[in-house]
Amino acid sequence: GKLFLEIEKLAKAERVQEVYLSTDHIGLYEKYGFE
């Protein structure tokens, strides 16, 4: 989650509105606000 917070800062600085993630996990990334 600390890495994800850093990525959010970078994305905001770049004016990115959304980031994507590819996985086969279910129930892991939802804890960090991914849908």
PDB file of all heavy atoms in Angstrom:
ATOM      1  N   GLY A   1       0.813  -1.213   0.000  1.00  0.00           N
ATOM      2  CA  GLY A   1       0.000   0.000   0.000  1.00  0.00           C
ATOM      3  C   GLY A   1       0.845   1.261   0.000  1.00  0.00           C
ATOM      4  O   GLY A   1       0.450   2.285  -0.556  1.00  0.00           O
ATOM      5  N   LYS A   2       2.025   1.209   0.607  1.00  0.00           N
ATOM      6  CA  LYS A   2       2.928   2.357   0.600  1.00  0.00           C
ATOM      7  C   LYS A   2       3.427   2.635  -0.827  1.00  0.00           C
ATOM      8  O   LYS A   2       3.601   3.792  -1.223  1.00  0.00           O
ATOM      9  CB  LYS A   2       4.092   2.133   1.547  1.00  0.00           C
ATOM     10  CG  LYS A   2       3.677   2.061   3.010  1.00  0.00           C
ATOM     11  CD  LYS A   2       4.852   1.821   3.918  1.00  0.00           C
ATOM     12  CE  LYS A   2       4.458   1.634   5.359  1.00  0.00           C
ATOM     13  NZ  LYS A   2       3.688   2.698   5.961  1.00  0.00           N
ATOM     14  N   LEU A   3       3.643   1.575  -1.586  1.00  0.00           N
ATOM     15  CA  LEU A   3       4.037   1.747  -2.993  1.00  0.00           C
ATOM     16  C   LEU A   3       2.875   2.334  -3.794  1.00  0.00           C
ATOM     17  O   LEU A   3       3.069   3.223  -4.627  1.00  0.00           O
ATOM     18  CB  LEU A   3       4.478   0.411  -3.593  1.00  0.00           C
ATOM     19  CG  LEU A   3       5.759  -0.170  -3.036  1.00  0.00           C
ATOM     20  CD1 LEU A   3       5.958  -1.604  -3.524  1.00  0.00           C
ATOM     21  CD2 LEU A   3       6.959   0.683  -3.416  1.00  0.00           C
ATOM     22  N   PHE A   4       1.667   1.842  -3.538  1.00  0.00           N
ATOM     23  CA  PHE A   4       0.507   2.362  -4.250  1.00  0.00           C
ATOM     24  C   PHE A   4       0.282   3.848  -3.947  1.00  0.00           C
ATOM     25  O   PHE A   4      -0.093   4.612  -4.845  1.00  0.00           O
ATOM     26  CB  PHE A   4      -0.744   1.560  -3.908  1.00  0.00           C
ATOM     27  CG  PHE A   4      -0.721   0.138  -4.408  1.00  0.00           C
ATOM     28  CD1 PHE A   4      -1.545  -0.810  -3.842  1.00  0.00           C
ATOM     29  CD2 PHE A   4       0.112  -0.265  -5.441  1.00  0.00           C
ATOM     30  CE1 PHE A   4      -1.547  -2.121  -4.293  1.00  0.00           C
ATOM     31  CE2 PHE A   4       0.138  -1.576  -5.895  1.00  0.00           C
ATOM     32  CZ  PHE A   4      -0.708  -2.508  -5.316  1.00  0.00           C
ATOM     33  N   LEU A   5       0.509   4.266  -2.702  1.00  0.00           N
ATOM     34  CA  LEU A   5       0.373   5.691  -2.364  1.00  0.00           C
ATOM     35  C   LEU A   5       1.389   6.531  -3.135  1.00  0.00           C
ATOM     36  O   LEU A   5       1.066   7.629  -3.607  1.00  0.00           O
ATOM     37  CB  LEU A   5       0.542   5.906  -0.862  1.00  0.00           C
ATOM     38  CG  LEU A   5      -0.619   5.436   0.008  1.00  0.00           C
ATOM     39  CD1 LEU A   5      -0.264   5.557   1.488  1.00  0.00           C
ATOM     40  CD2 LEU A   5      -1.890   6.220  -0.308  1.00  0.00           C
ATOM     41  N   GLU A   6       2.595   6.018  -3.277  1.00  0.00           N
ATOM     42  CA  GLU A   6       3.617   6.735  -4.056  1.00  0.00           C
ATOM     43  C   GLU A   6       3.198   6.832  -5.527  1.00  0.00           C
ATOM     44  O   GLU A   6       3.374   7.868  -6.162  1.00  0.00           O
ATOM     45  CB  GLU A   6       4.967   6.030  -3.917  1.00  0.00           C
ATOM     46  CG  GLU A   6       6.105   6.777  -4.566  1.00  0.00           C
ATOM     47  CD  GLU A   6       6.422   8.113  -3.903  1.00  0.00           C
ATOM     48  OE1 GLU A   6       6.106   8.305  -2.711  1.00  0.00           O
ATOM     49  OE2 GLU A   6       6.992   8.973  -4.596  1.00  0.00           O
ATOM     50  N   ILE A   7       2.636   5.757  -6.053  1.00  0.00           N
ATOM     51  CA  ILE A   7       2.168   5.773  -7.443  1.00  0.00           C
ATOM     52  C   ILE A   7       1.036   6.784  -7.600  1.00  0.00           C
ATOM     53  O   ILE A   7       0.986   7.505  -8.601  1.00  0.00           O
ATOM     54  CB  ILE A   7       1.749   4.362  -7.894  1.00  0.00           C
ATOM     55  CG1 ILE A   7       3.018   3.525  -8.089  1.00  0.00           C
ATOM     56  CG2 ILE A   7       0.908   4.413  -9.165  1.00  0.00           C
ATOM     57  CD1 ILE A   7       2.786   2.060  -8.345  1.00  0.00           C
ATOM     58  N   GLU A   8       0.157   6.858  -6.628  1.00  0.00           N
ATOM     59  CA  GLU A   8      -0.913   7.862  -6.700  1.00  0.00           C
ATOM     60  C   GLU A   8      -0.340   9.273  -6.761  1.00  0.00           C
ATOM     61  O   GLU A   8      -0.825  10.113  -7.516  1.00  0.00           O
ATOM     62  CB  GLU A   8      -1.863   7.726  -5.512  1.00  0.00           C
ATOM     63  CG  GLU A   8      -2.783   6.539  -5.647  1.00  0.00           C
ATOM     64  CD  GLU A   8      -3.809   6.485  -4.524  1.00  0.00           C
ATOM     65  OE1 GLU A   8      -4.446   7.529  -4.239  1.00  0.00           O
ATOM     66  OE2 GLU A   8      -3.953   5.401  -3.941  1.00  0.00           O
ATOM     67  N   LYS A   9       0.693   9.546  -5.972  1.00  0.00           N
ATOM     68  CA  LYS A   9       1.343  10.864  -6.017  1.00  0.00           C
ATOM     69  C   LYS A   9       1.923  11.133  -7.400  1.00  0.00           C
ATOM     70  O   LYS A   9       1.768  12.235  -7.944  1.00  0.00           O
ATOM     71  CB  LYS A   9       2.460  10.945  -4.978  1.00  0.00           C
ATOM     72  CG  LYS A   9       1.999  10.998  -3.557  1.00  0.00           C
ATOM     73  CD  LYS A   9       3.202  11.042  -2.622  1.00  0.00           C
ATOM     74  CE  LYS A   9       2.817  10.778  -1.201  1.00  0.00           C
ATOM     75  NZ  LYS A   9       3.989  10.650  -0.313  1.00  0.00           N
ATOM     76  N   LEU A  10       2.600  10.141  -7.957  1.00  0.00           N
ATOM     77  CA  LEU A  10       3.174  10.298  -9.298  1.00  0.00           C
ATOM     78  C   LEU A  10       2.073  10.529 -10.327  1.00  0.00           C
ATOM     79  O   LEU A  10       2.198  11.403 -11.196  1.00  0.00           O
ATOM     80  CB  LEU A  10       3.990   9.061  -9.681  1.00  0.00           C
ATOM     81  CG  LEU A  10       5.274   8.817  -8.898  1.00  0.00           C
ATOM     82  CD1 LEU A  10       5.825   7.427  -9.195  1.00  0.00           C
ATOM     83  CD2 LEU A  10       6.306   9.890  -9.218  1.00  0.00           C
ATOM     84  N   ALA A  11       1.002   9.755 -10.230  1.00  0.00           N
ATOM     85  CA  ALA A  11      -0.104   9.884 -11.181  1.00  0.00           C
ATOM     86  C   ALA A  11      -0.748  11.267 -11.082  1.00  0.00           C
ATOM     87  O   ALA A  11      -1.048  11.888 -12.103  1.00  0.00           O
ATOM     88  CB  ALA A  11      -1.131   8.782 -10.933  1.00  0.00           C
ATOM     89  N   LYS A  12      -0.946  11.755  -9.870  1.00  0.00           N
ATOM     90  CA  LYS A  12      -1.520  13.087  -9.698  1.00  0.00           C
ATOM     91  C   LYS A  12      -0.623  14.148 -10.325  1.00  0.00           C
ATOM     92  O   LYS A  12      -1.101  15.062 -10.999  1.00  0.00           O
ATOM     93  CB  LYS A  12      -1.727  13.402  -8.217  1.00  0.00           C
ATOM     94  CG  LYS A  12      -2.905  12.705  -7.606  1.00  0.00           C
ATOM     95  CD  LYS A  12      -3.018  13.022  -6.133  1.00  0.00           C
ATOM     96  CE  LYS A  12      -4.127  12.202  -5.502  1.00  0.00           C
ATOM     97  NZ  LYS A  12      -4.216  12.413  -4.055  1.00  0.00           N
ATOM     98  N   ALA A  13       0.682  14.019 -10.114  1.00  0.00           N
ATOM     99  CA  ALA A  13       1.627  14.983 -10.682  1.00  0.00           C
ATOM    100  C   ALA A  13       1.594  14.952 -12.214  1.00  0.00           C
ATOM    101  O   ALA A  13       1.823  15.969 -12.859  1.00  0.00           O
ATOM    102  CB  ALA A  13       3.041  14.702 -10.177  1.00  0.00           C
ATOM    103  N   GLU A  14       1.287  13.788 -12.773  1.00  0.00           N
ATOM    104  CA  GLU A  14       1.203  13.638 -14.230  1.00  0.00           C
ATOM    105  C   GLU A  14      -0.210  13.897 -14.758  1.00  0.00           C
ATOM    106  O   GLU A  14      -0.456  13.733 -15.942  1.00  0.00           O
ATOM    107  CB  GLU A  14       1.635  12.219 -14.624  1.00  0.00           C
ATOM    108  CG  GLU A  14       3.076  11.918 -14.300  1.00  0.00           C
ATOM    109  CD  GLU A  14       3.426  10.440 -14.471  1.00  0.00           C
ATOM    110  OE1 GLU A  14       2.547   9.637 -14.864  1.00  0.00           O
ATOM    111  OE2 GLU A  14       4.585  10.103 -14.207  1.00  0.00           O
ATOM    112  N   ARG A  15      -1.118  14.243 -13.858  1.00  0.00           N
ATOM    113  CA  ARG A  15      -2.523  14.489 -14.195  1.00  0.00           C
ATOM    114  C   ARG A  15      -3.201  13.253 -14.787  1.00  0.00           C
ATOM    115  O   ARG A  15      -4.085  13.348 -15.646  1.00  0.00           O
ATOM    116  CB  ARG A  15      -2.674  15.691 -15.112  1.00  0.00           C
ATOM    117  CG  ARG A  15      -2.155  16.971 -14.479  1.00  0.00           C
ATOM    118  CD  ARG A  15      -2.345  18.149 -15.402  1.00  0.00           C
ATOM    119  NE  ARG A  15      -1.645  19.305 -14.920  1.00  0.00           N
ATOM    120  CZ  ARG A  15      -2.202  20.291 -14.234  1.00  0.00           C
ATOM    121  NH1 ARG A  15      -3.472  20.252 -13.941  1.00  0.00           N
ATOM    122  NH2 ARG A  15      -1.480  21.318 -13.837  1.00  0.00           N
ATOM    123  N   VAL A  16      -2.778  12.091 -14.323  1.00  0.00           N
ATOM    124  CA  VAL A  16      -3.387  10.826 -14.716  1.00  0.00           C
ATOM    125  C   VAL A  16      -4.659  10.646 -13.902  1.00  0.00           C
ATOM    126  O   VAL A  16      -4.667  10.901 -12.696  1.00  0.00           O
ATOM    127  CB  VAL A  16      -2.399   9.662 -14.467  1.00  0.00           C
ATOM    128  CG1 VAL A  16      -3.080   8.321 -14.574  1.00  0.00           C
ATOM    129  CG2 VAL A  16      -1.224   9.758 -15.419  1.00  0.00           C
ATOM    130  N   GLN A  17      -5.727  10.202 -14.547  1.00  0.00           N
ATOM    131  CA  GLN A  17      -7.002  10.069 -13.849  1.00  0.00           C
ATOM    132  C   GLN A  17      -7.279   8.645 -13.367  1.00  0.00           C
ATOM    133  O   GLN A  17      -8.121   8.440 -12.493  1.00  0.00           O
ATOM    134  CB  GLN A  17      -8.133  10.537 -14.746  1.00  0.00           C
ATOM    135  CG  GLN A  17      -8.016  12.015 -15.047  1.00  0.00           C
ATOM    136  CD  GLN A  17      -9.143  12.505 -15.924  1.00  0.00           C
ATOM    137  OE1 GLN A  17      -9.921  11.737 -16.481  1.00  0.00           O
ATOM    138  NE2 GLN A  17      -9.239  13.818 -16.059  1.00  0.00           N
ATOM    139  N   GLU A  18      -6.598   7.651 -13.942  1.00  0.00           N
ATOM    140  CA  GLU A  18      -6.795   6.274 -13.520  1.00  0.00           C
ATOM    141  C   GLU A  18      -5.565   5.443 -13.847  1.00  0.00           C
ATOM    142  O   GLU A  18      -4.846   5.739 -14.799  1.00  0.00           O
ATOM    143  CB  GLU A  18      -8.051   5.664 -14.156  1.00  0.00           C
ATOM    144  CG  GLU A  18      -8.109   5.851 -15.644  1.00  0.00           C
ATOM    145  CD  GLU A  18      -9.522   5.800 -16.211  1.00  0.00           C
ATOM    146  OE1 GLU A  18     -10.494   6.002 -15.467  1.00  0.00           O
ATOM    147  OE2 GLU A  18      -9.631   5.567 -17.408  1.00  0.00           O
ATOM    148  N   VAL A  19      -5.336   4.439 -13.015  1.00  0.00           N
ATOM    149  CA  VAL A  19      -4.241   3.493 -13.246  1.00  0.00           C
ATOM    150  C   VAL A  19      -4.838   2.095 -13.312  1.00  0.00           C
ATOM    151  O   VAL A  19      -5.906   1.830 -12.744  1.00  0.00           O
ATOM    152  CB  VAL A  19      -3.147   3.572 -12.150  1.00  0.00           C
ATOM    153  CG1 VAL A  19      -2.434   4.912 -12.190  1.00  0.00           C
ATOM    154  CG2 VAL A  19      -3.705   3.292 -10.774  1.00  0.00           C
ATOM    155  N   TYR A  20      -4.135   1.188 -14.006  1.00  0.00           N
ATOM    156  CA  TYR A  20      -4.637  -0.152 -14.251  1.00  0.00           C
ATOM    157  C   TYR A  20      -3.677  -1.188 -13.693  1.00  0.00           C
ATOM    158  O   TYR A  20      -2.483  -0.936 -13.542  1.00  0.00           O
ATOM    159  CB  TYR A  20      -4.818  -0.366 -15.762  1.00  0.00           C
ATOM    160  CG  TYR A  20      -5.801   0.602 -16.358  1.00  0.00           C
ATOM    161  CD1 TYR A  20      -5.368   1.823 -16.874  1.00  0.00           C
ATOM    162  CD2 TYR A  20      -7.160   0.329 -16.369  1.00  0.00           C
ATOM    163  CE1 TYR A  20      -6.269   2.734 -17.402  1.00  0.00           C
ATOM    164  CE2 TYR A  20      -8.074   1.233 -16.898  1.00  0.00           C
ATOM    165  CZ  TYR A  20      -7.612   2.436 -17.407  1.00  0.00           C
ATOM    166  OH  TYR A  20      -8.516   3.333 -17.910  1.00  0.00           O
ATOM    167  N   LEU A  21      -4.234  -2.359 -13.448  1.00  0.00           N
ATOM    168  CA  LEU A  21      -3.454  -3.459 -12.903  1.00  0.00           C
ATOM    169  C   LEU A  21      -4.033  -4.753 -13.467  1.00  0.00           C
ATOM    170  O   LEU A  21      -5.258  -4.922 -13.511  1.00  0.00           O
ATOM    171  CB  LEU A  21      -3.594  -3.431 -11.379  1.00  0.00           C
ATOM    172  CG  LEU A  21      -2.735  -4.339 -10.557  1.00  0.00           C
ATOM    173  CD1 LEU A  21      -2.344  -3.615  -9.278  1.00  0.00           C
ATOM    174  CD2 LEU A  21      -3.440  -5.615 -10.231  1.00  0.00           C
ATOM    175  N   SER A  22      -3.169  -5.641 -13.912  1.00  0.00           N
ATOM    176  CA  SER A  22      -3.564  -6.939 -14.464  1.00  0.00           C
ATOM    177  C   SER A  22      -3.172  -8.029 -13.471  1.00  0.00           C
ATOM    178  O   SER A  22      -2.029  -8.068 -13.013  1.00  0.00           O
ATOM    179  CB  SER A  22      -2.833  -7.137 -15.796  1.00  0.00           C
ATOM    180  OG  SER A  22      -2.925  -8.472 -16.229  1.00  0.00           O
ATOM    181  N   THR A  23      -4.111  -8.924 -13.149  1.00  0.00           N
ATOM    182  CA  THR A  23      -3.833  -9.952 -12.139  1.00  0.00           C
ATOM    183  C   THR A  23      -4.788 -11.129 -12.289  1.00  0.00           C
ATOM    184  O   THR A  23      -5.806 -11.022 -12.977  1.00  0.00           O
ATOM    185  CB  THR A  23      -3.974  -9.358 -10.721  1.00  0.00           C
ATOM    186  OG1 THR A  23      -3.575 -10.325  -9.758  1.00  0.00           O
ATOM    187  CG2 THR A  23      -5.393  -8.904 -10.431  1.00  0.00           C
ATOM    188  N   ASP A  24      -4.467 -12.214 -11.618  1.00  0.00           N
ATOM    189  CA  ASP A  24      -5.425 -13.309 -11.502  1.00  0.00           C
ATOM    190  C   ASP A  24      -5.958 -13.406 -10.068  1.00  0.00           C
ATOM    191  O   ASP A  24      -6.752 -14.277  -9.748  1.00  0.00           O
ATOM    192  CB  ASP A  24      -4.821 -14.642 -11.960  1.00  0.00           C
ATOM    193  CG  ASP A  24      -3.572 -15.032 -11.186  1.00  0.00           C
ATOM    194  OD1 ASP A  24      -3.130 -14.276 -10.313  1.00  0.00           O
ATOM    195  OD2 ASP A  24      -3.033 -16.110 -11.478  1.00  0.00           O
ATOM    196  N   HIS A  25      -5.522 -12.493  -9.203  1.00  0.00           N
ATOM    197  CA  HIS A  25      -5.985 -12.472  -7.819  1.00  0.00           C
ATOM    198  C   HIS A  25      -7.377 -11.854  -7.712  1.00  0.00           C
ATOM    199  O   HIS A  25      -7.697 -10.910  -8.420  1.00  0.00           O
ATOM    200  CB  HIS A  25      -5.040 -11.653  -6.931  1.00  0.00           C
ATOM    201  CG  HIS A  25      -3.714 -12.294  -6.727  1.00  0.00           C
ATOM    202  ND1 HIS A  25      -3.531 -13.390  -5.916  1.00  0.00           N
ATOM    203  CD2 HIS A  25      -2.500 -12.002  -7.233  1.00  0.00           C
ATOM    204  CE1 HIS A  25      -2.264 -13.750  -5.936  1.00  0.00           C
ATOM    205  NE2 HIS A  25      -1.606 -12.922  -6.729  1.00  0.00           N
ATOM    206  N   ILE A  26      -8.158 -12.389  -6.797  1.00  0.00           N
ATOM    207  CA  ILE A  26      -9.466 -11.823  -6.469  1.00  0.00           C
ATOM    208  C   ILE A  26      -9.447 -11.513  -4.978  1.00  0.00           C
ATOM    209  O   ILE A  26      -9.064 -12.355  -4.170  1.00  0.00           O
ATOM    210  CB  ILE A  26     -10.605 -12.817  -6.795  1.00  0.00           C
ATOM    211  CG1 ILE A  26     -10.618 -13.126  -8.298  1.00  0.00           C
ATOM    212  CG2 ILE A  26     -11.955 -12.252  -6.339  1.00  0.00           C
ATOM    213  CD1 ILE A  26     -11.594 -14.221  -8.687  1.00  0.00           C
ATOM    214  N   GLY A  27      -9.843 -10.292  -4.618  1.00  0.00           N
ATOM    215  CA  GLY A  27      -9.949  -9.924  -3.216  1.00  0.00           C
ATOM    216  C   GLY A  27      -8.692  -9.309  -2.626  1.00  0.00           C
ATOM    217  O   GLY A  27      -8.681  -8.961  -1.452  1.00  0.00           O
ATOM    218  N   LEU A  28      -7.644  -9.162  -3.402  1.00  0.00           N
ATOM    219  CA  LEU A  28      -6.405  -8.578  -2.890  1.00  0.00           C
ATOM    220  C   LEU A  28      -6.345  -7.076  -3.152  1.00  0.00           C
ATOM    221  O   LEU A  28      -6.187  -6.280  -2.241  1.00  0.00           O
ATOM    222  CB  LEU A  28      -5.197  -9.280  -3.522  1.00  0.00           C
ATOM    223  CG  LEU A  28      -3.816  -8.722  -3.183  1.00  0.00           C
ATOM    224  CD1 LEU A  28      -3.557  -8.795  -1.682  1.00  0.00           C
ATOM    225  CD2 LEU A  28      -2.739  -9.476  -3.941  1.00  0.00           C
ATOM    226  N   TYR A  29      -6.483  -6.688  -4.386  1.00  0.00           N
ATOM    227  CA  TYR A  29      -6.298  -5.284  -4.751  1.00  0.00           C
ATOM    228  C   TYR A  29      -7.501  -4.414  -4.389  1.00  0.00           C
ATOM    229  O   TYR A  29      -7.374  -3.196  -4.273  1.00  0.00           O
ATOM    230  CB  TYR A  29      -5.924  -5.169  -6.221  1.00  0.00           C
ATOM    231  CG  TYR A  29      -4.596  -5.836  -6.472  1.00  0.00           C
ATOM    232  CD1 TYR A  29      -4.518  -7.069  -7.108  1.00  0.00           C
ATOM    233  CD2 TYR A  29      -3.425  -5.268  -6.003  1.00  0.00           C
ATOM    234  CE1 TYR A  29      -3.292  -7.697  -7.295  1.00  0.00           C
ATOM    235  CE2 TYR A  29      -2.201  -5.885  -6.187  1.00  0.00           C
ATOM    236  CZ  TYR A  29      -2.146  -7.104  -6.836  1.00  0.00           C
ATOM    237  OH  TYR A  29      -0.932  -7.722  -7.004  1.00  0.00           O
ATOM    238  N   GLU A  30      -8.649  -5.035  -4.179  1.00  0.00           N
ATOM    239  CA  GLU A  30      -9.817  -4.282  -3.749  1.00  0.00           C
ATOM    240  C   GLU A  30      -9.554  -3.579  -2.415  1.00  0.00           C
ATOM    241  O   GLU A  30     -10.086  -2.500  -2.171  1.00  0.00           O
ATOM    242  CB  GLU A  30     -11.028  -5.219  -3.610  1.00  0.00           C
ATOM    243  CG  GLU A  30     -11.536  -5.789  -4.928  1.00  0.00           C
ATOM    244  CD  GLU A  30     -10.847  -7.078  -5.365  1.00  0.00           C
ATOM    245  OE1 GLU A  30      -9.742  -7.391  -4.868  1.00  0.00           O
ATOM    246  OE2 GLU A  30     -11.403  -7.767  -6.231  1.00  0.00           O
ATOM    247  N   LYS A  31      -8.708  -4.172  -1.575  1.00  0.00           N
ATOM    248  CA  LYS A  31      -8.361  -3.577  -0.268  1.00  0.00           C
ATOM    249  C   LYS A  31      -7.683  -2.222  -0.427  1.00  0.00           C
ATOM    250  O   LYS A  31      -7.654  -1.427   0.505  1.00  0.00           O
ATOM    251  CB  LYS A  31      -7.395  -4.485   0.503  1.00  0.00           C
ATOM    252  CG  LYS A  31      -7.932  -5.816   0.867  1.00  0.00           C
ATOM    253  CD  LYS A  31      -6.842  -6.607   1.566  1.00  0.00           C
ATOM    254  CE  LYS A  31      -7.027  -8.080   1.379  1.00  0.00           C
ATOM    255  NZ  LYS A  31      -5.918  -8.855   1.915  1.00  0.00           N
ATOM    256  N   TYR A  32      -7.113  -1.988  -1.595  1.00  0.00           N
ATOM    257  CA  TYR A  32      -6.371  -0.749  -1.854  1.00  0.00           C
ATOM    258  C   TYR A  32      -7.142   0.214  -2.760  1.00  0.00           C
ATOM    259  O   TYR A  32      -6.562   1.134  -3.313  1.00  0.00           O
ATOM    260  CB  TYR A  32      -5.015  -1.090  -2.469  1.00  0.00           C
ATOM    261  CG  TYR A  32      -4.182  -1.955  -1.563  1.00  0.00           C
ATOM    262  CD1 TYR A  32      -4.081  -3.329  -1.784  1.00  0.00           C
ATOM    263  CD2 TYR A  32      -3.500  -1.417  -0.469  1.00  0.00           C
ATOM    264  CE1 TYR A  32      -3.319  -4.129  -0.943  1.00  0.00           C
ATOM    265  CE2 TYR A  32      -2.747  -2.207   0.371  1.00  0.00           C
ATOM    266  CZ  TYR A  32      -2.665  -3.566   0.127  1.00  0.00           C
ATOM    267  OH  TYR A  32      -1.922  -4.360   0.966  1.00  0.00           O
ATOM    268  N   GLY A  33      -8.428  -0.036  -2.933  1.00  0.00           N
ATOM    269  CA  GLY A  33      -9.259   0.888  -3.704  1.00  0.00           C
ATOM    270  C   GLY A  33      -9.384   0.573  -5.184  1.00  0.00           C
ATOM    271  O   GLY A  33      -9.968   1.354  -5.934  1.00  0.00           O
ATOM    272  N   PHE A  34      -8.866  -0.569  -5.617  1.00  0.00           N
ATOM    273  CA  PHE A  34      -9.011  -0.960  -7.018  1.00  0.00           C
ATOM    274  C   PHE A  34     -10.367  -1.621  -7.214  1.00  0.00           C
ATOM    275  O   PHE A  34     -10.866  -2.314  -6.330  1.00  0.00           O
ATOM    276  CB  PHE A  34      -7.910  -1.949  -7.426  1.00  0.00           C
ATOM    277  CG  PHE A  34      -6.554  -1.331  -7.541  1.00  0.00           C
ATOM    278  CD1 PHE A  34      -5.734  -1.208  -6.429  1.00  0.00           C
ATOM    279  CD2 PHE A  34      -6.091  -0.865  -8.759  1.00  0.00           C
ATOM    280  CE1 PHE A  34      -4.488  -0.635  -6.517  1.00  0.00           C
ATOM    281  CE2 PHE A  34      -4.832  -0.290  -8.860  1.00  0.00           C
ATOM    282  CZ  PHE A  34      -4.034  -0.175  -7.745  1.00  0.00           C
ATOM    283  N   GLU A  35     -10.935  -1.410  -8.394  1.00  0.00           N
ATOM    284  CA  GLU A  35     -12.204  -2.031  -8.754  1.00  0.00           C
ATOM    285  C   GLU A  35     -12.018  -2.846 -10.019  1.00  0.00           C
ATOM    286  O   GLU A  35     -11.295  -2.425 -10.932  1.00  0.00           O
ATOM    287  CB  GLU A  35     -13.276  -0.967  -8.986  1.00  0.00           C
ATOM    288  CG  GLU A  35     -13.643  -0.207  -7.733  1.00  0.00           C
ATOM    289  CD  GLU A  35     -14.740   0.819  -7.971  1.00  0.00           C
ATOM    290  OE1 GLU A  35     -15.199   0.963  -9.129  1.00  0.00           O
ATOM    291  OE2 GLU A  35     -15.124   1.479  -6.991  1.00  0.00           O
TER     292      GLU A  35
END
